[in-house]
Amino acid sequence: MSEPLLVLPLEGIPEVRPGDDLGALLGDALARTPGALALRADDVLVVTQKIVSKAEGAIVELDAVEPRPEAVEFAARWGRDARQVEVVLRQAIRVVRADLGVLVVETRHGFVLANAGVDASNVGPRFGQIVLLLPDDPDASARRIRAALAARFGIGPAVVISDSMGRPWRFGITDCAIGVAGLRPLDDLRGTPDADGRPMSATIRAVADEIASAAELALGKTARRPAALVRGASPPPGEGSIAEVVFPPEYDLFR
């Protein structure tokens, strides 16, 4: 029998501010969450992008943004804040589609997503005055958190930085990994036998995304719980990078 999957939302994480020691805050939350300790080598800590961006100061003051004419025009057409549109355009290296009030863009991280991941919701008490950007280097953010927890507890769980994304051709959002440390984000099953003994030729499991999505079910969007410990997922070990999940241009059928 396989081990059951356990998702423990961490308790008591305060409102995170720029410069906060996120590793220390998460360590304190692990210590106060029943059942979280002792950590295991195959545990995964899922941390939402919002608190990483806040701690790292990935924040834009909207009053300081001067939108370009294209941003003003798009905002007026679709009833959006031109300053937020301008921030999205500044984060984009390529605009894939601009329609129905949504800017689908490619970021310098290689992600293709709506509005460059620029976030105006659940940003704290300064709602309407600021927006959050994606972390500059989400893999590095995950590594710093893992190292801080290893120094404190003797074991550093794998870390996944998560963010909500839409999916082409499907309504609704789900949480996906945008940064990882201490695990490989993909489980390549090509060449291994399926349940009937036939070798699989195309199956690659998006393990980090699956773990991020499982954590989101326990965290919710409005409960102010920005991190969860996932136990029993048994992700592929190793020091991976989120770049492994990004399609190279030659494989992108929709570019």
Protein backbone atom coordinates (compact mmCIF):
# COMPACT_ATOMS: atom_id res chain seq x y z
CA MET A 1 0.00 0.00 0.00
CA SER A 2 1.35 3.42 -0.94
CA GLU A 3 1.70 6.12 1.70
CA PRO A 4 -1.27 8.50 1.96
CA LEU A 5 -0.77 12.07 0.83
CA LEU A 6 -0.90 14.59 3.66
CA VAL A 7 -1.20 18.36 3.17
CA LEU A 8 -0.72 20.52 6.28
CA PRO A 9 -1.44 24.26 5.96
CA LEU A 10 1.06 26.15 8.11
CA GLU A 11 -0.36 28.17 10.95
CA GLY A 12 0.22 31.73 12.11
CA ILE A 13 2.19 33.28 9.24
CA PRO A 14 1.79 37.07 9.66
CA GLU A 15 1.42 39.68 6.94
CA VAL A 16 4.76 39.58 5.14
CA ARG A 17 6.57 42.84 4.43
CA PRO A 18 9.63 43.72 2.34
CA GLY A 19 12.82 42.63 4.03
CA ASP A 20 11.18 40.03 6.28
CA ASP A 21 13.18 36.85 6.90
CA LEU A 22 10.87 34.46 5.11
CA GLY A 23 12.88 31.39 6.10
CA ALA A 24 12.48 32.33 9.77
CA LEU A 25 8.75 33.01 9.42
CA LEU A 26 8.20 29.66 7.70
CA GLY A 27 10.34 27.89 10.28
CA ASP A 28 8.27 29.38 13.09
CA ALA A 29 5.09 28.29 11.32
CA LEU A 30 6.38 24.76 10.89
CA ALA A 31 7.23 24.63 14.60
CA ARG A 32 3.71 25.68 15.65
CA THR A 33 1.80 23.48 13.15
CA PRO A 34 0.76 20.17 14.75
CA GLY A 35 2.22 17.19 12.90
CA ALA A 36 4.68 19.15 10.77
CA LEU A 37 7.79 18.24 12.78
CA ALA A 38 9.96 16.29 12.61
CA LEU A 39 10.66 17.10 8.97
CA ARG A 40 11.41 14.28 6.57
CA ALA A 41 13.82 14.33 3.65
CA ASP A 42 10.99 13.73 1.16
CA ASP A 43 8.72 16.50 2.52
CA VAL A 44 7.84 19.37 0.20
CA LEU A 45 7.08 22.87 1.45
CA VAL A 46 4.81 24.78 -0.95
CA VAL A 47 5.08 28.55 -0.59
CA THR A 48 2.80 30.87 -2.52
CA GLN A 49 4.37 33.48 -4.75
CA LYS A 50 2.70 36.38 -2.97
CA ILE A 51 4.68 36.11 0.26
CA VAL A 52 7.93 35.49 -1.62
CA SER A 53 7.37 38.60 -3.73
CA LYS A 54 6.45 40.66 -0.67
CA ALA A 55 9.52 39.56 1.30
CA GLU A 56 11.80 40.25 -1.66
CA GLY A 57 10.26 43.65 -2.37
CA ALA A 58 8.95 42.71 -5.83
CA ILE A 59 6.38 45.49 -5.51
CA VAL A 60 5.43 48.33 -7.83
CA GLU A 61 3.89 51.58 -6.58
CA LEU A 62 1.14 52.36 -9.07
CA ASP A 63 1.30 56.12 -8.47
CA ALA A 64 4.85 56.06 -9.86
CA VAL A 65 3.83 54.36 -13.14
CA GLU A 66 3.41 56.46 -16.29
CA PRO A 67 1.48 54.34 -18.81
CA ARG A 68 2.39 54.41 -22.48
CA PRO A 69 -0.31 55.28 -25.06
CA GLU A 70 -0.87 51.61 -25.94
CA ALA A 71 -1.56 50.83 -22.28
CA VAL A 72 -3.98 53.74 -21.97
CA GLU A 73 -5.83 52.63 -25.11
CA PHE A 74 -6.08 48.99 -24.02
CA ALA A 75 -7.21 49.96 -20.53
CA ALA A 76 -9.88 52.33 -21.81
CA ARG A 77 -11.25 49.70 -24.18
CA TRP A 78 -11.54 47.00 -21.54
CA GLY A 79 -12.12 48.95 -18.34
CA ARG A 80 -8.73 48.26 -16.79
CA ASP A 81 -6.25 50.36 -14.85
CA ALA A 82 -3.77 51.72 -17.41
CA ARG A 83 -1.01 51.68 -14.82
CA GLN A 84 -1.44 47.96 -14.24
CA VAL A 85 -1.44 47.36 -17.99
CA GLU A 86 1.81 49.30 -18.24
CA VAL A 87 3.39 47.17 -15.51
CA VAL A 88 2.40 44.02 -17.41
CA LEU A 89 3.96 45.33 -20.61
CA ARG A 90 7.19 46.15 -18.77
CA GLN A 91 7.39 42.56 -17.51
CA ALA A 92 6.81 41.05 -20.97
CA ILE A 93 9.46 40.06 -23.46
CA ARG A 94 6.72 39.09 -25.93
CA VAL A 95 3.00 39.80 -26.15
CA VAL A 96 1.34 36.61 -27.30
CA ARG A 97 -2.23 37.92 -27.39
CA ALA A 98 -4.03 41.05 -26.24
CA ASP A 99 -7.80 40.70 -26.27
CA LEU A 100 -10.89 40.48 -24.04
CA GLY A 101 -9.11 42.57 -21.43
CA VAL A 102 -6.31 40.05 -20.98
CA LEU A 103 -2.67 40.35 -21.96
CA VAL A 104 -1.14 36.92 -22.53
CA VAL A 105 2.60 37.46 -22.49
CA GLU A 106 5.91 35.66 -22.18
CA THR A 107 8.02 36.75 -19.22
CA ARG A 108 11.79 36.68 -19.05
CA HIS A 109 11.44 33.56 -16.88
CA GLY A 110 10.04 31.79 -19.96
CA PHE A 111 6.49 31.58 -18.58
CA VAL A 112 3.57 32.29 -20.91
CA LEU A 113 0.68 33.46 -18.77
CA ALA A 114 -2.01 36.06 -18.34
CA ASN A 115 -0.87 39.53 -17.32
CA ALA A 116 2.75 38.44 -16.74
CA GLY A 117 1.81 37.15 -13.30
CA VAL A 118 1.33 40.74 -12.09
CA ASP A 119 -0.93 40.45 -9.06
CA ALA A 120 -3.34 43.06 -7.69
CA SER A 121 -5.36 40.80 -5.36
CA ASN A 122 -4.51 39.67 -1.82
CA VAL A 123 -1.62 42.13 -1.73
CA GLY A 124 -2.29 43.28 1.83
CA PRO A 125 -3.52 46.56 3.33
CA ARG A 126 -2.27 48.68 0.40
CA PHE A 127 -4.72 47.14 -2.07
CA GLY A 128 -5.24 49.42 -5.07
CA GLN A 129 -1.95 51.24 -4.50
CA ILE A 130 0.53 48.46 -5.35
CA VAL A 131 0.88 45.35 -7.48
CA LEU A 132 3.18 42.39 -6.97
CA LEU A 133 5.59 41.05 -9.57
CA LEU A 134 6.88 37.52 -9.87
CA PRO A 135 10.10 36.90 -7.93
CA ASP A 136 13.20 37.79 -9.87
CA ASP A 137 14.58 34.22 -9.67
CA PRO A 138 12.01 31.83 -8.17
CA ASP A 139 14.45 28.89 -8.10
CA ALA A 140 16.90 30.97 -6.06
CA SER A 141 14.07 32.01 -3.74
CA ALA A 142 13.22 28.35 -3.17
CA ARG A 143 16.86 27.47 -2.51
CA ARG A 144 17.20 30.21 0.11
CA ILE A 145 14.11 28.99 1.96
CA ARG A 146 15.34 25.39 1.85
CA ALA A 147 18.78 26.35 3.14
CA ALA A 148 17.28 28.35 6.03
CA LEU A 149 15.09 25.42 7.09
CA ALA A 150 17.99 22.97 6.81
CA ALA A 151 20.09 25.20 9.07
CA ARG A 152 17.31 25.36 11.65
CA PHE A 153 15.93 21.81 11.63
CA GLY A 154 18.79 19.74 10.26
CA ILE A 155 16.67 18.67 7.29
CA GLY A 156 15.74 20.97 4.44
CA PRO A 157 12.52 19.90 2.75
CA ALA A 158 12.15 20.39 -0.97
CA VAL A 159 10.53 23.74 -1.72
CA VAL A 160 8.04 24.67 -4.43
CA ILE A 161 7.12 28.30 -5.10
CA SER A 162 3.56 28.27 -6.46
CA ASP A 163 1.34 30.67 -8.37
CA SER A 164 -2.11 30.49 -9.92
CA MET A 165 -2.36 30.08 -13.68
CA GLY A 166 -5.06 29.50 -16.26
CA ARG A 167 -4.98 26.68 -18.80
CA PRO A 168 -5.58 26.95 -22.56
CA TRP A 169 -9.01 25.65 -23.56
CA ARG A 170 -10.21 25.19 -19.97
CA PHE A 171 -12.04 27.49 -17.55
CA GLY A 172 -10.61 28.01 -14.10
CA ILE A 173 -7.21 28.43 -12.55
CA THR A 174 -4.93 26.03 -10.72
CA ASP A 175 -1.71 26.50 -8.84
CA CYS A 176 1.50 25.61 -10.65
CA ALA A 177 5.16 25.63 -9.70
CA ILE A 178 7.20 28.68 -10.72
CA GLY A 179 10.31 27.79 -8.70
CA VAL A 180 11.74 24.63 -7.14
CA ALA A 181 14.58 23.46 -4.92
CA GLY A 182 15.48 19.97 -3.77
CA LEU A 183 13.37 18.07 -6.30
CA ARG A 184 13.06 17.48 -10.02
CA PRO A 185 9.88 19.14 -11.28
CA LEU A 186 9.22 16.43 -13.87
CA ASP A 187 8.99 12.64 -13.54
CA ASP A 188 9.97 11.23 -16.94
CA LEU A 189 8.29 7.82 -17.31
CA ARG A 190 9.18 7.32 -20.96
CA GLY A 191 10.56 3.85 -21.51
CA THR A 192 9.08 2.40 -18.33
CA PRO A 193 6.25 -0.16 -18.57
CA ASP A 194 2.63 0.81 -18.07
CA ALA A 195 0.16 -1.36 -16.12
CA ASP A 196 -0.09 -3.70 -19.11
CA GLY A 197 3.67 -4.03 -19.49
CA ARG A 198 3.91 -1.85 -22.59
CA PRO A 199 6.65 0.81 -22.58
CA MET A 200 5.35 4.34 -22.29
CA SER A 201 6.55 6.68 -25.01
CA ALA A 202 5.25 10.13 -24.03
CA THR A 203 4.33 10.21 -20.32
CA ILE A 204 6.10 12.89 -18.29
CA ARG A 205 4.40 13.74 -14.98
CA ALA A 206 4.41 17.40 -13.96
CA VAL A 207 5.12 16.51 -10.32
CA ALA A 208 5.93 20.00 -9.02
CA ASP A 209 2.74 21.38 -10.56
CA GLU A 210 0.70 18.52 -9.07
CA ILE A 211 2.16 19.17 -5.62
CA ALA A 212 1.45 22.91 -5.94
CA SER A 213 -2.14 22.19 -6.92
CA ALA A 214 -2.66 19.73 -4.06
CA ALA A 215 -1.41 22.34 -1.60
CA GLU A 216 -3.74 24.98 -3.01
CA LEU A 217 -6.76 22.81 -2.25
CA ALA A 218 -5.83 23.00 1.43
CA LEU A 219 -4.74 26.64 1.41
CA GLY A 220 -7.64 28.22 -0.47
CA LYS A 221 -7.63 31.74 -1.88
CA THR A 222 -9.06 33.77 0.99
CA ALA A 223 -7.99 31.98 4.20
CA ARG A 224 -4.67 33.87 4.51
CA ARG A 225 -2.72 30.62 4.58
CA PRO A 226 0.24 31.10 2.22
CA ALA A 227 2.22 27.88 2.77
CA ALA A 228 1.65 24.17 3.27
CA LEU A 229 3.73 21.09 3.96
CA VAL A 230 3.07 18.20 1.57
CA ARG A 231 4.07 14.76 2.84
CA GLY A 232 3.91 11.49 0.94
CA ALA A 233 4.18 12.83 -2.62
CA SER A 234 7.64 11.27 -3.09
CA PRO A 235 8.84 13.66 -5.81
CA PRO A 236 11.87 12.72 -7.93
CA PRO A 237 14.93 13.68 -5.86
CA GLY A 238 17.62 15.97 -7.18
CA GLU A 239 18.34 19.65 -7.63
CA GLY A 240 16.05 20.63 -10.48
CA SER A 241 15.08 23.93 -12.03
CA ILE A 242 11.75 25.29 -13.17
CA ALA A 243 13.37 25.81 -16.58
CA GLU A 244 12.91 22.07 -17.11
CA VAL A 245 9.14 22.49 -17.47
CA VAL A 246 9.27 25.35 -20.01
CA PHE A 247 8.80 24.29 -23.63
CA PRO A 248 11.67 25.28 -25.92
CA PRO A 249 10.45 27.22 -28.96
CA GLU A 250 10.92 24.27 -31.33
CA TYR A 251 8.37 22.24 -29.34
CA ASP A 252 5.84 25.04 -28.92
CA LEU A 253 3.03 24.24 -31.36
CA PHE A 254 1.15 27.45 -30.56
CA ARG A 255 3.91 30.03 -30.95
